[in-house]
PDB file of N, CA and C in Angstrom:
ATOM      1  N   UNK A   1     102.050 -26.787 -47.637  1.00  0.00           N
ATOM      2  CA  UNK A   1     102.803 -25.860 -47.305  1.00  0.00           C
ATOM      3  C   UNK A   1     104.356 -26.235 -47.592  1.00  0.00           C
ATOM      4  N   UNK A   2     105.299 -25.611 -48.702  1.00  0.00           N
ATOM      5  CA  UNK A   2     106.346 -25.638 -48.630  1.00  0.00           C
ATOM      6  C   UNK A   2     107.243 -25.158 -47.805  1.00  0.00           C
ATOM      7  N   UNK A   3     108.409 -25.921 -46.994  1.00  0.00           N
ATOM      8  CA  UNK A   3     109.099 -25.178 -46.406  1.00  0.00           C
ATOM      9  C   UNK A   3     110.364 -24.131 -47.154  1.00  0.00           C
ATOM     10  N   UNK A   4     111.236 -23.510 -45.866  1.00  0.00           N
ATOM     11  CA  UNK A   4     111.493 -22.731 -46.953  1.00  0.00           C
ATOM     12  C   UNK A   4     112.430 -22.504 -48.009  1.00  0.00           C
ATOM     13  N   UNK A   5     112.994 -21.927 -49.068  1.00  0.00           N
ATOM     14  CA  UNK A   5     113.536 -22.178 -50.380  1.00  0.00           C
ATOM     15  C   UNK A   5     115.325 -22.753 -49.671  1.00  0.00           C
ATOM     16  N   UNK A   6     115.958 -23.423 -50.688  1.00  0.00           N
ATOM     17  CA  UNK A   6     117.101 -24.239 -49.996  1.00  0.00           C
ATOM     18  C   UNK A   6     118.062 -22.869 -50.547  1.00  0.00           C
ATOM     19  N   UNK A   7     118.823 -22.124 -49.444  1.00  0.00           N
ATOM     20  CA  UNK A   7     119.975 -21.454 -49.353  1.00  0.00           C
ATOM     21  C   UNK A   7     119.087 -19.933 -49.117  1.00  0.00           C
ATOM     22  N   UNK A   8     117.557 -19.993 -49.052  1.00  0.00           N
ATOM     23  CA  UNK A   8     117.325 -18.586 -48.593  1.00  0.00           C
ATOM     24  C   UNK A   8     117.426 -18.359 -46.809  1.00  0.00           C
ATOM     25  N   UNK A   9     117.917 -18.998 -46.065  1.00  0.00           N
ATOM     26  CA  UNK A   9     118.345 -18.301 -44.287  1.00  0.00           C
ATOM     27  C   UNK A   9     118.865 -17.078 -44.382  1.00  0.00           C
ATOM     28  N   UNK A  10     120.414 -17.100 -45.429  1.00  0.00           N
ATOM     29  CA  UNK A  10     121.089 -16.358 -45.248  1.00  0.00           C
ATOM     30  C   UNK A  10     120.286 -14.676 -45.780  1.00  0.00           C
ATOM     31  N   UNK A  11     119.466 -15.106 -46.568  1.00  0.00           N
ATOM     32  CA  UNK A  11     118.793 -14.156 -47.240  1.00  0.00           C
ATOM     33  C   UNK A  11     117.850 -13.069 -46.301  1.00  0.00           C
ATOM     34  N   UNK A  12     117.241 -14.348 -45.529  1.00  0.00           N
ATOM     35  CA  UNK A  12     116.813 -13.739 -44.541  1.00  0.00           C
ATOM     36  C   UNK A  12     117.008 -13.099 -43.227  1.00  0.00           C
ATOM     37  N   UNK A  13     117.831 -13.924 -43.144  1.00  0.00           N
ATOM     38  CA  UNK A  13     119.566 -13.207 -41.976  1.00  0.00           C
ATOM     39  C   UNK A  13     119.006 -11.635 -42.413  1.00  0.00           C
ATOM     40  N   UNK A  14     119.980 -11.637 -43.282  1.00  0.00           N
ATOM     41  CA  UNK A  14     120.122 -10.637 -44.093  1.00  0.00           C
ATOM     42  C   UNK A  14     119.158  -9.468 -43.988  1.00  0.00           C
ATOM     43  N   UNK A  15     118.175  -9.529 -44.120  1.00  0.00           N
ATOM     44  CA  UNK A  15     116.967  -9.020 -44.550  1.00  0.00           C
ATOM     45  C   UNK A  15     116.383  -8.014 -43.107  1.00  0.00           C
ATOM     46  N   UNK A  16     116.174  -9.301 -42.080  1.00  0.00           N
ATOM     47  CA  UNK A  16     116.437  -8.852 -41.031  1.00  0.00           C
ATOM     48  C   UNK A  16     117.366  -7.723 -40.068  1.00  0.00           C
ATOM     49  N   UNK A  17     118.607  -8.347 -40.505  1.00  0.00           N
ATOM     50  CA  UNK A  17     119.743  -7.629 -40.214  1.00  0.00           C
ATOM     51  C   UNK A  17     119.830  -5.887 -40.563  1.00  0.00           C
ATOM     52  N   UNK A  18     118.757  -6.199 -41.618  1.00  0.00           N
ATOM     53  CA  UNK A  18     118.569  -4.450 -42.130  1.00  0.00           C
ATOM     54  C   UNK A  18     117.783  -4.023 -41.673  1.00  0.00           C
ATOM     55  N   UNK A  19     116.683  -4.573 -41.179  1.00  0.00           N
ATOM     56  CA  UNK A  19     115.650  -3.925 -40.093  1.00  0.00           C
ATOM     57  C   UNK A  19     115.945  -3.560 -39.175  1.00  0.00           C
ATOM     58  N   UNK A  20     116.770  -4.088 -38.346  1.00  0.00           N
ATOM     59  CA  UNK A  20     117.266  -4.137 -36.990  1.00  0.00           C
ATOM     60  C   UNK A  20     118.009  -2.630 -37.071  1.00  0.00           C
ATOM     61  N   UNK A  21     119.092  -2.789 -38.092  1.00  0.00           N
ATOM     62  CA  UNK A  21     119.679  -1.681 -38.605  1.00  0.00           C
ATOM     63  C   UNK A  21     118.672  -0.116 -38.747  1.00  0.00           C
ATOM     64  N   UNK A  22     118.066  -0.594 -39.107  1.00  0.00           N
ATOM     65  CA  UNK A  22     117.227   1.143 -39.750  1.00  0.00           C
ATOM     66  C   UNK A  22     116.484   1.309 -38.111  1.00  0.00           C
ATOM     67  N   UNK A  23     115.934   0.534 -37.034  1.00  0.00           N
ATOM     68  CA  UNK A  23     115.390   0.480 -35.495  1.00  0.00           C
ATOM     69  C   UNK A  23     114.353   0.443 -35.960  1.00  0.00           C
ATOM     70  N   UNK A  24     113.826  -0.282 -36.210  1.00  0.00           N
ATOM     71  CA  UNK A  24     112.197  -0.461 -36.677  1.00  0.00           C
ATOM     72  C   UNK A  24     111.411  -0.363 -35.399  1.00  0.00           C
ATOM     73  N   UNK A  25     110.446  -0.065 -35.070  1.00  0.00           N
ATOM     74  CA  UNK A  25     110.041  -0.156 -33.193  1.00  0.00           C
ATOM     75  C   UNK A  25     109.278  -1.615 -33.128  1.00  0.00           C
ATOM     76  N   UNK A  26     109.178  -2.264 -34.289  1.00  0.00           N
ATOM     77  CA  UNK A  26     108.507  -3.432 -34.149  1.00  0.00           C
ATOM     78  C   UNK A  26     108.487  -3.969 -35.751  1.00  0.00           C
ATOM     79  N   UNK A  27     109.043  -5.120 -35.724  1.00  0.00           N
ATOM     80  CA  UNK A  27     109.686  -5.500 -36.862  1.00  0.00           C
ATOM     81  C   UNK A  27     108.810  -7.254 -36.864  1.00  0.00           C
ATOM     82  N   UNK A  28     107.366  -6.938 -38.019  1.00  0.00           N
ATOM     83  CA  UNK A  28     106.808  -8.158 -37.778  1.00  0.00           C
ATOM     84  C   UNK A  28     106.850  -9.535 -38.881  1.00  0.00           C
ATOM     85  N   UNK A  29     107.428 -10.903 -38.591  1.00  0.00           N
ATOM     86  CA  UNK A  29     107.305 -11.422 -39.587  1.00  0.00           C
ATOM     87  C   UNK A  29     106.730 -12.661 -39.643  1.00  0.00           C
ATOM     88  N   UNK A  30     106.255 -13.996 -40.365  1.00  0.00           N
ATOM     89  CA  UNK A  30     105.861 -14.300 -40.919  1.00  0.00           C
ATOM     90  C   UNK A  30     106.605 -16.186 -41.096  1.00  0.00           C
ATOM     91  N   UNK A  31     106.284 -17.502 -40.638  1.00  0.00           N
ATOM     92  CA  UNK A  31     106.809 -18.371 -41.559  1.00  0.00           C
ATOM     93  C   UNK A  31     108.176 -18.640 -41.032  1.00  0.00           C
ATOM     94  N   UNK A  32     108.507 -20.669 -41.488  1.00  0.00           N
ATOM     95  CA  UNK A  32     109.525 -20.463 -40.624  1.00  0.00           C
ATOM     96  C   UNK A  32     110.918 -20.139 -41.526  1.00  0.00           C
ATOM     97  N   UNK A  33     111.276 -19.202 -42.770  1.00  0.00           N
ATOM     98  CA  UNK A  33     112.349 -18.760 -42.428  1.00  0.00           C
ATOM     99  C   UNK A  33     112.796 -17.837 -42.669  1.00  0.00           C
ATOM    100  N   UNK A  34     111.935 -16.503 -41.977  1.00  0.00           N
ATOM    101  CA  UNK A  34     111.687 -15.926 -40.784  1.00  0.00           C
ATOM    102  C   UNK A  34     111.792 -16.038 -39.419  1.00  0.00           C
ATOM    103  N   UNK A  35     111.342 -17.143 -39.042  1.00  0.00           N
ATOM    104  CA  UNK A  35     111.696 -17.724 -37.926  1.00  0.00           C
ATOM    105  C   UNK A  35     112.959 -17.757 -37.057  1.00  0.00           C
ATOM    106  N   UNK A  36     113.402 -18.826 -38.406  1.00  0.00           N
ATOM    107  CA  UNK A  36     114.489 -19.596 -38.851  1.00  0.00           C
ATOM    108  C   UNK A  36     115.780 -18.082 -37.962  1.00  0.00           C
ATOM    109  N   UNK A  37     115.489 -17.302 -39.041  1.00  0.00           N
ATOM    110  CA  UNK A  37     116.523 -16.029 -39.226  1.00  0.00           C
ATOM    111  C   UNK A  37     116.329 -15.349 -37.658  1.00  0.00           C
ATOM    112  N   UNK A  38     115.850 -15.061 -37.227  1.00  0.00           N
ATOM    113  CA  UNK A  38     115.554 -14.364 -36.403  1.00  0.00           C
ATOM    114  C   UNK A  38     115.637 -15.174 -34.906  1.00  0.00           C
ATOM    115  N   UNK A  39     115.750 -16.459 -34.982  1.00  0.00           N
ATOM    116  CA  UNK A  39     116.355 -16.801 -33.768  1.00  0.00           C
ATOM    117  C   UNK A  39     118.119 -17.079 -33.991  1.00  0.00           C
ATOM    118  N   UNK A  40     117.953 -16.995 -35.262  1.00  0.00           N
ATOM    119  CA  UNK A  40     120.073 -16.864 -35.681  1.00  0.00           C
ATOM    120  C   UNK A  40     119.935 -15.025 -35.064  1.00  0.00           C
ATOM    121  N   UNK A  41     119.985 -14.380 -35.520  1.00  0.00           N
ATOM    122  CA  UNK A  41     119.507 -13.179 -34.649  1.00  0.00           C
ATOM    123  C   UNK A  41     119.303 -13.380 -33.850  1.00  0.00           C
ATOM    124  N   UNK A  42     118.763 -13.511 -32.483  1.00  0.00           N
ATOM    125  CA  UNK A  42     118.578 -13.422 -31.002  1.00  0.00           C
ATOM    126  C   UNK A  42     119.713 -13.680 -30.339  1.00  0.00           C
ATOM    127  N   UNK A  43     121.101 -14.820 -31.019  1.00  0.00           N
ATOM    128  CA  UNK A  43     121.786 -15.330 -30.028  1.00  0.00           C
ATOM    129  C   UNK A  43     123.094 -14.040 -30.148  1.00  0.00           C
ATOM    130  N   UNK A  44     122.839 -13.140 -31.471  1.00  0.00           N
ATOM    131  CA  UNK A  44     124.243 -12.239 -31.235  1.00  0.00           C
ATOM    132  C   UNK A  44     123.603 -10.614 -30.788  1.00  0.00           C
ATOM    133  N   UNK A  45     122.417 -10.863 -31.585  1.00  0.00           N
ATOM    134  CA  UNK A  45     121.598  -8.646 -31.479  1.00  0.00           C
ATOM    135  C   UNK A  45     121.561  -8.519 -30.096  1.00  0.00           C
ATOM    136  N   UNK A  46     120.927  -8.198 -29.212  1.00  0.00           N
ATOM    137  CA  UNK A  46     119.826  -7.893 -28.146  1.00  0.00           C
ATOM    138  C   UNK A  46     119.122  -6.816 -28.653  1.00  0.00           C
ATOM    139  N   UNK A  47     118.990  -6.355 -29.969  1.00  0.00           N
ATOM    140  CA  UNK A  47     118.080  -6.006 -30.228  1.00  0.00           C
ATOM    141  C   UNK A  47     117.118  -6.394 -31.562  1.00  0.00           C
ATOM    142  N   UNK A  48     117.230  -8.034 -31.499  1.00  0.00           N
ATOM    143  CA  UNK A  48     116.640  -8.689 -32.042  1.00  0.00           C
ATOM    144  C   UNK A  48     115.293  -8.985 -31.573  1.00  0.00           C
ATOM    145  N   UNK A  49     114.870  -8.405 -30.060  1.00  0.00           N
ATOM    146  CA  UNK A  49     113.846  -8.669 -29.729  1.00  0.00           C
ATOM    147  C   UNK A  49     112.425  -7.626 -29.962  1.00  0.00           C
ATOM    148  N   UNK A  50     112.547  -6.659 -30.968  1.00  0.00           N
ATOM    149  CA  UNK A  50     111.636  -5.584 -31.492  1.00  0.00           C
ATOM    150  C   UNK A  50     111.073  -6.326 -33.119  1.00  0.00           C
ATOM    151  N   UNK A  51     112.158  -8.106 -32.996  1.00  0.00           N
ATOM    152  CA  UNK A  51     111.431  -9.212 -34.463  1.00  0.00           C
ATOM    153  C   UNK A  51     110.046 -10.025 -33.167  1.00  0.00           C
ATOM    154  N   UNK A  52     109.083  -9.714 -34.223  1.00  0.00           N
ATOM    155  CA  UNK A  52     108.112 -10.959 -33.800  1.00  0.00           C
ATOM    156  C   UNK A  52     107.830 -11.953 -34.613  1.00  0.00           C
ATOM    157  N   UNK A  53     107.414 -12.635 -34.319  1.00  0.00           N
ATOM    158  CA  UNK A  53     108.003 -13.512 -35.092  1.00  0.00           C
ATOM    159  C   UNK A  53     106.422 -14.541 -34.549  1.00  0.00           C
ATOM    160  N   UNK A  54     105.518 -14.646 -36.014  1.00  0.00           N
ATOM    161  CA  UNK A  54     104.060 -16.019 -35.753  1.00  0.00           C
ATOM    162  C   UNK A  54     104.451 -16.566 -36.840  1.00  0.00           C
ATOM    163  N   UNK A  55     103.343 -17.873 -37.077  1.00  0.00           N
ATOM    164  CA  UNK A  55     103.029 -18.406 -37.779  1.00  0.00           C
ATOM    165  C   UNK A  55     102.414 -18.393 -39.120  1.00  0.00           C
ATOM    166  N   UNK A  56     101.449 -17.204 -38.264  1.00  0.00           N
ATOM    167  CA  UNK A  56     100.650 -16.648 -39.889  1.00  0.00           C
ATOM    168  C   UNK A  56     100.255 -15.659 -39.395  1.00  0.00           C
ATOM    169  N   UNK A  57      99.291 -14.553 -40.418  1.00  0.00           N
ATOM    170  CA  UNK A  57      99.105 -13.535 -40.313  1.00  0.00           C
ATOM    171  C   UNK A  57      98.959 -13.041 -39.360  1.00  0.00           C
ATOM    172  N   UNK A  58      97.229 -14.034 -39.066  1.00  0.00           N
ATOM    173  CA  UNK A  58      96.929 -13.401 -37.761  1.00  0.00           C
ATOM    174  C   UNK A  58      97.127 -13.788 -36.209  1.00  0.00           C
ATOM    175  N   UNK A  59      98.102 -14.758 -36.353  1.00  0.00           N
ATOM    176  CA  UNK A  59      98.735 -14.892 -34.802  1.00  0.00           C
ATOM    177  C   UNK A  59     100.221 -13.969 -34.942  1.00  0.00           C
ATOM    178  N   UNK A  60      99.841 -13.262 -35.680  1.00  0.00           N
ATOM    179  CA  UNK A  60     100.928 -11.912 -36.323  1.00  0.00           C
ATOM    180  C   UNK A  60     100.447 -11.292 -35.982  1.00  0.00           C
ATOM    181  N   UNK A  61      98.875 -10.801 -36.084  1.00  0.00           N
ATOM    182  CA  UNK A  61      98.360  -9.691 -35.222  1.00  0.00           C
ATOM    183  C   UNK A  61      98.155  -9.469 -34.229  1.00  0.00           C
ATOM    184  N   UNK A  62      97.987 -10.623 -33.563  1.00  0.00           N
ATOM    185  CA  UNK A  62      97.562 -10.822 -32.138  1.00  0.00           C
ATOM    186  C   UNK A  62      98.830 -10.586 -31.541  1.00  0.00           C
ATOM    187  N   UNK A  63      99.917 -11.028 -31.918  1.00  0.00           N
ATOM    188  CA  UNK A  63     101.013 -10.384 -31.129  1.00  0.00           C
ATOM    189  C   UNK A  63     101.617  -8.666 -31.227  1.00  0.00           C
ATOM    190  N   UNK A  64     101.528  -8.214 -32.364  1.00  0.00           N
ATOM    191  CA  UNK A  64     101.766  -7.080 -32.416  1.00  0.00           C
ATOM    192  C   UNK A  64     100.884  -6.441 -32.222  1.00  0.00           C
ATOM    193  N   UNK A  65      99.477  -6.370 -32.194  1.00  0.00           N
ATOM    194  CA  UNK A  65      98.769  -5.659 -32.388  1.00  0.00           C
ATOM    195  C   UNK A  65      98.574  -3.936 -31.302  1.00  0.00           C
ATOM    196  N   UNK A  66      99.237  -4.400 -30.028  1.00  0.00           N
ATOM    197  CA  UNK A  66      99.172  -3.180 -28.811  1.00  0.00           C
ATOM    198  C   UNK A  66     100.485  -2.488 -29.562  1.00  0.00           C
ATOM    199  N   UNK A  67     101.864  -3.130 -29.177  1.00  0.00           N
ATOM    200  CA  UNK A  67     102.534  -2.295 -29.570  1.00  0.00           C
ATOM    201  C   UNK A  67     103.084  -1.722 -30.707  1.00  0.00           C
ATOM    202  N   UNK A  68     102.604  -2.234 -32.270  1.00  0.00           N
ATOM    203  CA  UNK A  68     102.467  -1.942 -33.388  1.00  0.00           C
ATOM    204  C   UNK A  68     101.501  -0.522 -33.662  1.00  0.00           C
ATOM    205  N   UNK A  69     100.330  -0.032 -32.385  1.00  0.00           N
ATOM    206  CA  UNK A  69      99.254   0.949 -32.698  1.00  0.00           C
ATOM    207  C   UNK A  69     100.094   1.900 -31.889  1.00  0.00           C
ATOM    208  N   UNK A  70     100.808   1.562 -31.055  1.00  0.00           N
ATOM    209  CA  UNK A  70     101.003   2.208 -29.861  1.00  0.00           C
ATOM    210  C   UNK A  70     101.891   4.203 -30.928  1.00  0.00           C
ATOM    211  N   UNK A  71     101.022   4.955 -30.583  1.00  0.00           N
ATOM    212  CA  UNK A  71     101.299   6.903 -31.330  1.00  0.00           C
ATOM    213  C   UNK A  71     102.782   6.826 -31.310  1.00  0.00           C
ATOM    214  N   UNK A  72     102.794   7.095 -32.465  1.00  0.00           N
ATOM    215  CA  UNK A  72     104.648   6.757 -33.670  1.00  0.00           C
ATOM    216  C   UNK A  72     105.597   5.917 -33.315  1.00  0.00           C
ATOM    217  N   UNK A  73     104.685   4.872 -33.332  1.00  0.00           N
ATOM    218  CA  UNK A  73     105.276   3.262 -34.015  1.00  0.00           C
ATOM    219  C   UNK A  73     106.132   3.513 -34.935  1.00  0.00           C
ATOM    220  N   UNK A  74     107.293   2.682 -35.174  1.00  0.00           N
ATOM    221  CA  UNK A  74     107.917   2.817 -36.776  1.00  0.00           C
ATOM    222  C   UNK A  74     107.585   1.286 -37.305  1.00  0.00           C
ATOM    223  N   UNK A  75     106.233   0.307 -37.910  1.00  0.00           N
ATOM    224  CA  UNK A  75     105.947  -0.218 -38.223  1.00  0.00           C
ATOM    225  C   UNK A  75     107.074  -1.405 -39.442  1.00  0.00           C
ATOM    226  N   UNK A  76     107.547  -2.175 -39.502  1.00  0.00           N
ATOM    227  CA  UNK A  76     107.481  -3.217 -40.896  1.00  0.00           C
ATOM    228  C   UNK A  76     107.002  -4.476 -40.821  1.00  0.00           C
ATOM    229  N   UNK A  77     106.116  -4.508 -41.578  1.00  0.00           N
ATOM    230  CA  UNK A  77     105.408  -6.043 -41.380  1.00  0.00           C
ATOM    231  C   UNK A  77     105.877  -6.672 -43.076  1.00  0.00           C
ATOM    232  N   UNK A  78     107.141  -8.310 -42.595  1.00  0.00           N
ATOM    233  CA  UNK A  78     107.413  -7.921 -43.883  1.00  0.00           C
ATOM    234  C   UNK A  78     107.003  -9.941 -44.168  1.00  0.00           C
ATOM    235  N   UNK A  79     106.582 -11.001 -44.499  1.00  0.00           N
ATOM    236  CA  UNK A  79     106.484 -11.594 -45.254  1.00  0.00           C
ATOM    237  C   UNK A  79     105.928 -11.939 -46.374  1.00  0.00           C
ATOM    238  N   UNK A  80     105.540 -13.171 -47.016  1.00  0.00           N
ATOM    239  CA  UNK A  80     105.569 -13.818 -48.751  1.00  0.00           C
ATOM    240  C   UNK A  80     104.028 -13.564 -48.655  1.00  0.00           C
ATOM    241  N   UNK A  81     103.615 -13.262 -49.665  1.00  0.00           N
ATOM    242  CA  UNK A  81     101.846 -12.567 -50.269  1.00  0.00           C
ATOM    243  C   UNK A  81     100.895 -13.998 -49.432  1.00  0.00           C
ATOM    244  N   UNK A  82     102.151 -14.929 -49.705  1.00  0.00           N
ATOM    245  CA  UNK A  82     100.700 -16.386 -49.966  1.00  0.00           C
ATOM    246  C   UNK A  82     100.504 -16.505 -47.924  1.00  0.00           C
ATOM    247  N   UNK A  83     101.351 -15.809 -47.623  1.00  0.00           N
ATOM    248  CA  UNK A  83     100.978 -15.432 -45.771  1.00  0.00           C
ATOM    249  C   UNK A  83      99.988 -14.364 -45.513  1.00  0.00           C
ATOM    250  N   UNK A  84      99.911 -13.871 -46.098  1.00  0.00           N
ATOM    251  CA  UNK A  84      98.873 -13.085 -45.825  1.00  0.00           C
ATOM    252  C   UNK A  84      98.611 -11.376 -45.587  1.00  0.00           C
ATOM    253  N   UNK A  85     100.281 -11.274 -44.946  1.00  0.00           N
ATOM    254  CA  UNK A  85     100.730 -10.355 -44.408  1.00  0.00           C
ATOM    255  C   UNK A  85      99.646  -8.960 -44.948  1.00  0.00           C
ATOM    256  N   UNK A  86      99.215  -8.368 -46.158  1.00  0.00           N
ATOM    257  CA  UNK A  86      98.203  -7.602 -45.756  1.00  0.00           C
ATOM    258  C   UNK A  86      96.904  -7.497 -45.343  1.00  0.00           C
ATOM    259  N   UNK A  87      96.529  -8.211 -45.068  1.00  0.00           N
ATOM    260  CA  UNK A  87      95.539  -8.055 -43.653  1.00  0.00           C
ATOM    261  C   UNK A  87      96.281  -7.422 -42.142  1.00  0.00           C
ATOM    262  N   UNK A  88      97.511  -7.677 -42.435  1.00  0.00           N
ATOM    263  CA  UNK A  88      98.288  -6.552 -41.629  1.00  0.00           C
ATOM    264  C   UNK A  88      98.174  -5.659 -41.355  1.00  0.00           C
ATOM    265  N   UNK A  89      98.834  -5.573 -43.091  1.00  0.00           N
ATOM    266  CA  UNK A  89      98.481  -3.704 -42.747  1.00  0.00           C
ATOM    267  C   UNK A  89      97.435  -3.197 -43.170  1.00  0.00           C
ATOM    268  N   UNK A  90      96.129  -3.873 -43.074  1.00  0.00           N
ATOM    269  CA  UNK A  90      94.717  -3.303 -43.516  1.00  0.00           C
ATOM    270  C   UNK A  90      94.799  -2.982 -42.241  1.00  0.00           C
ATOM    271  N   UNK A  91      95.112  -3.768 -40.911  1.00  0.00           N
ATOM    272  CA  UNK A  91      94.450  -3.549 -39.886  1.00  0.00           C
ATOM    273  C   UNK A  91      95.280  -2.241 -38.669  1.00  0.00           C
ATOM    274  N   UNK A  92      97.165  -2.288 -39.517  1.00  0.00           N
ATOM    275  CA  UNK A  92      97.490  -1.439 -38.616  1.00  0.00           C
ATOM    276  C   UNK A  92      97.020   0.435 -39.530  1.00  0.00           C
ATOM    277  N   UNK A  93      96.663   0.486 -41.539  1.00  0.00           N
ATOM    278  CA  UNK A  93      95.632   1.154 -41.210  1.00  0.00           C
ATOM    279  C   UNK A  93      94.783   1.773 -40.636  1.00  0.00           C
ATOM    280  N   UNK A  94      93.910   0.451 -40.290  1.00  0.00           N
ATOM    281  CA  UNK A  94      92.201   0.604 -39.145  1.00  0.00           C
ATOM    282  C   UNK A  94      92.637   1.507 -37.846  1.00  0.00           C
ATOM    283  N   UNK A  95      93.516   1.065 -37.425  1.00  0.00           N
ATOM    284  CA  UNK A  95      93.555   2.129 -36.628  1.00  0.00           C
ATOM    285  C   UNK A  95      93.454   2.964 -36.461  1.00  0.00           C
TER     286      UNK A  95
END
């Protein structure tokens, strides 16, 4: 699987910044590009602790299933279609 597109780091940081500013309870992301963006933001934003990073959708579900299914949680799941993030959404809807 190819790595992140050149120059995409800033876009991923911007996306996560918008998510943090929107105050989601949990922001679940997968893949190298979002992992790098989350690391960048963690250095300057204490609220970046709500960003949960995993290598793929299955690993992400294991990390977010409890907080994401808590009553009243507002959850954003972000990743490319190739990461299979629709599996996370399906599980959230079923819970």
